[in-house]
Amino acid sequence: MLTRTYPTDPKQRIAARCAQEFIAGEVVNLGLGIPTLTANYLDADAGIIFHTENGAFGFGGRPSLAALDSDCTNAGTEPITLPPGAALMDLATSLGAMRNGYLDVTILGALQVDALGNLANWACRRDGKWWPGIGGAMDLCYGTPKVIAALAHTDKHGRSKILPRCTLPLTGRACVKVIVTEHAVFDVAEQGLLLREIISHATLDDVRAMTAAPFSLSPAFEQVAR
């Protein structure tokens, strides 16, 4: 039920779909992992100001190999471009912007997300210890009005990562507004999850089978389905 043409690679498909969630003029933080790929799917004239936690505003997508500068990276230490008007800053200043309402949207990877909009993205248990550490995602969850969770629909064992309630330690409570996976887009509403779009060749029954959390169909989805 592809409604648009998306990349076949699951991570790239998620990133490409996330890029459609922005409005010109917004300041958008891109978190570690899949979110950093999103900058590659918007042109410089899209009017989006990208922010990275390690200290840059206004950066662009991945440069060519010839233009690569190892000193200019995103949160995942991947190379970025710095078009005219971009700004670099120390980490303290960048974190201050995250905490004080200067961002409109953040895209964060997730280990789990649930029907209440709770996000768990920082910890898994290894050798009896929680690893690796919460980082700046906690600040982003509470300093940004719109949090988009970008994640694989299921884990490597085929278990749903979209749950009725998260079982891992939370990064943020009731902060997620939109969930984007390689198969679907959900809105988090007061009444629960609303399926807005299917972006793979999965059927509605497939999405129900792979999603542990209950969900309803949004009016937008029902209109497309008709």
Foldseek 3Di string as FASTA:
>chain_A
DAPDDADPPFLRRLLLVVLVVDQAQFEEEAAPDSSLNNLVNDDLPRNYWYDALQFKTRWGHADDPVPFDQVAAGNHSGTIHHPPPMDGDHNVVSLVCLQAQVGAEYEDEAQAAEFLGWGHRAFDDDPNDTDDDLPSLLSNLNRYQEYEYEYAQADPVLAGRYANDDPHDTSHGSRHQWYTGSFFIWGRDPVTIETQDTNDPDDPVRSVVSHHHDYHHDPNRVVVVD
